[in-house]
Amino acid sequence: MQVHSLNRDTADFRTYAGTNPGAGNNYSIGLPQNAFHQILQVQCLLTTDANAANRVVVCGGGASGTNRFLAVAPAVQTASTAVLYSFQQGVAPLDMSTNGLVMTSPIGDYFIMHGGFTLNIDVVNIQVGDAITAILYSLRTWYY
């Protein structure tokens, strides 16, 4: 059995820009192999189409279809709106979407995933014209 020590001083900090998945699709990205990744922050803009439906944005990660962590937006987003979502450490749930601004949701500092796991942004009840854009995610990574 191989044991890895995670030292804050030897970690690599990076922020990545995600590729927009196209209208009506959720976002997913595989994390680099041979490393442990701590999710520090995930951000996206969801612009919804005119179809009447309540959407809920969920940030998650894991392997083989099983999420090891989940962070759920604190409120629903309705049709024909644009809201910036920020899932990050050290914030309280906040819903300022009625002003067209932002929703924040906390993620714990224990969200550490193995290389090859998948980071996801899922919209529950996504509609054909909904678009996830402006994707950014920040990782603390330990390579082995």
Protein backbone atom coordinates (compact mmCIF):
# COMPACT_ATOMS: atom_id res chain seq x y z
CA MET A 1 0.00 0.00 0.00
CA GLN A 2 1.37 3.36 -1.01
CA VAL A 3 0.87 6.28 1.38
CA HIS A 4 1.11 9.91 0.29
CA SER A 5 1.70 12.86 2.57
CA LEU A 6 -0.06 16.09 1.62
CA ASN A 7 2.01 19.09 2.65
CA ARG A 8 0.56 22.57 2.11
CA ASP A 9 4.04 23.88 1.31
CA THR A 10 4.56 21.49 -1.62
CA ALA A 11 1.19 22.03 -3.29
CA ASP A 12 0.72 23.59 -6.70
CA PHE A 13 -2.03 26.25 -6.92
CA ARG A 14 -3.69 26.87 -10.28
CA THR A 15 -6.84 28.36 -11.73
CA TYR A 16 -8.19 26.89 -14.95
CA ALA A 17 -10.69 28.23 -17.49
CA GLY A 18 -13.15 25.54 -18.54
CA THR A 19 -14.46 25.04 -22.05
CA ASN A 20 -18.11 25.98 -22.51
CA PRO A 21 -20.11 22.76 -23.00
CA GLY A 22 -22.67 24.16 -25.44
CA ALA A 23 -26.33 24.99 -24.91
CA GLY A 24 -28.38 22.38 -23.09
CA ASN A 25 -25.33 20.48 -21.77
CA ASN A 26 -23.75 20.13 -18.34
CA TYR A 27 -20.01 20.58 -17.75
CA SER A 28 -17.55 17.82 -16.86
CA ILE A 29 -13.74 17.69 -16.82
CA GLY A 30 -11.35 14.90 -15.85
CA LEU A 31 -8.67 15.93 -13.38
CA PRO A 32 -5.01 15.20 -14.17
CA GLN A 33 -3.66 11.76 -13.21
CA ASN A 34 -0.88 11.02 -10.67
CA ALA A 35 -2.03 13.70 -8.26
CA PHE A 36 -4.43 14.61 -5.50
CA HIS A 37 -6.60 17.68 -6.12
CA GLN A 38 -8.27 19.87 -3.53
CA ILE A 39 -11.14 21.85 -5.02
CA LEU A 40 -10.83 25.43 -3.80
CA GLN A 41 -13.34 27.23 -5.99
CA VAL A 42 -15.65 26.60 -8.95
CA GLN A 43 -17.41 29.41 -10.78
CA CYS A 44 -19.77 29.61 -13.75
CA LEU A 45 -22.42 31.76 -15.35
CA LEU A 46 -25.75 30.12 -16.15
CA THR A 47 -27.93 31.88 -18.71
CA THR A 48 -31.34 30.26 -18.95
CA ASP A 49 -33.66 30.18 -21.95
CA ALA A 50 -37.36 31.13 -21.95
CA ASN A 51 -38.64 27.63 -21.12
CA ALA A 52 -40.56 27.79 -17.86
CA ALA A 53 -38.59 25.63 -15.43
CA ASN A 54 -36.76 26.03 -12.14
CA ARG A 55 -33.09 25.09 -12.43
CA VAL A 56 -30.75 24.16 -9.58
CA VAL A 57 -26.98 24.29 -10.09
CA VAL A 58 -24.89 21.59 -8.42
CA CYS A 59 -21.11 21.33 -8.29
CA GLY A 60 -19.77 17.85 -7.68
CA GLY A 61 -16.91 15.50 -8.24
CA GLY A 62 -16.06 11.85 -8.11
CA ALA A 63 -15.50 8.72 -10.14
CA SER A 64 -17.57 6.13 -11.95
CA GLY A 65 -20.75 8.19 -11.69
CA THR A 66 -20.51 8.48 -7.90
CA ASN A 67 -20.04 11.99 -6.51
CA ARG A 68 -17.56 12.16 -3.63
CA PHE A 69 -18.72 15.67 -2.88
CA LEU A 70 -21.64 17.91 -3.76
CA ALA A 71 -22.33 21.59 -3.29
CA VAL A 72 -25.81 22.81 -4.14
CA ALA A 73 -26.81 26.38 -4.99
CA PRO A 74 -28.99 27.93 -2.26
CA ALA A 75 -31.95 28.74 -4.56
CA VAL A 76 -33.48 27.94 -7.94
CA GLN A 77 -32.92 29.94 -11.09
CA THR A 78 -35.90 30.69 -13.30
CA ALA A 79 -36.31 31.21 -17.05
CA SER A 80 -34.70 34.06 -19.00
CA THR A 81 -32.13 35.01 -16.36
CA ALA A 82 -28.35 35.05 -15.97
CA VAL A 83 -26.73 34.28 -12.62
CA LEU A 84 -23.08 33.87 -11.65
CA TYR A 85 -22.47 30.89 -9.35
CA SER A 86 -19.51 30.66 -7.01
CA PHE A 87 -18.84 27.48 -5.05
CA GLN A 88 -15.91 28.11 -2.72
CA GLN A 89 -14.38 27.56 0.66
CA GLY A 90 -15.21 29.92 3.52
CA VAL A 91 -18.45 31.45 2.23
CA ALA A 92 -22.00 31.31 3.50
CA PRO A 93 -24.87 30.42 1.17
CA LEU A 94 -26.02 33.63 -0.47
CA ASP A 95 -28.78 34.26 -2.98
CA MET A 96 -28.60 37.62 -4.73
CA SER A 97 -30.01 36.22 -7.97
CA THR A 98 -33.15 38.37 -7.80
CA ASN A 99 -30.84 41.28 -8.60
CA GLY A 100 -29.25 39.27 -11.43
CA LEU A 101 -26.01 39.03 -9.51
CA VAL A 102 -24.62 35.95 -7.82
CA MET A 103 -25.29 32.85 -5.77
CA THR A 104 -22.58 31.50 -3.50
CA SER A 105 -22.40 28.10 -1.91
CA PRO A 106 -19.75 26.71 0.47
CA ILE A 107 -17.55 23.74 -0.27
CA GLY A 108 -15.58 22.08 2.49
CA ASP A 109 -11.80 22.05 2.59
CA TYR A 110 -11.89 18.24 2.68
CA PHE A 111 -12.91 17.95 -1.01
CA ILE A 112 -9.78 16.17 -2.16
CA MET A 113 -10.04 13.98 -5.24
CA HIS A 114 -7.69 11.55 -6.92
CA GLY A 115 -6.33 12.15 -10.39
CA GLY A 116 -8.73 10.86 -13.02
CA PHE A 117 -11.79 11.83 -10.98
CA THR A 118 -14.28 14.13 -12.67
CA LEU A 119 -15.29 17.66 -11.68
CA ASN A 120 -18.89 18.44 -12.70
CA ILE A 121 -21.23 21.39 -12.96
CA ASP A 122 -24.73 20.01 -13.35
CA VAL A 123 -27.95 21.91 -13.85
CA VAL A 124 -30.94 20.02 -12.53
CA ASN A 125 -33.79 20.50 -15.01
CA ILE A 126 -31.50 21.95 -17.71
CA GLN A 127 -33.32 23.16 -20.81
CA VAL A 128 -32.21 22.97 -24.45
CA GLY A 129 -31.22 26.65 -24.65
CA ASP A 130 -29.57 26.98 -21.22
CA ALA A 131 -25.87 27.84 -21.40
CA ILE A 132 -23.10 27.32 -18.85
CA THR A 133 -20.25 29.74 -19.59
CA ALA A 134 -17.42 31.65 -17.87
CA ILE A 135 -16.22 28.47 -16.14
CA LEU A 136 -13.29 28.84 -13.76
CA TYR A 137 -12.00 26.36 -11.20
CA SER A 138 -9.11 26.58 -8.77
CA LEU A 139 -7.19 23.58 -7.49
CA ARG A 140 -4.49 22.88 -4.95
CA THR A 141 -2.62 19.90 -6.41
CA TRP A 142 -0.09 17.47 -5.00
CA TYR A 143 1.70 15.41 -7.66
CA TYR A 144 3.19 11.99 -7.02
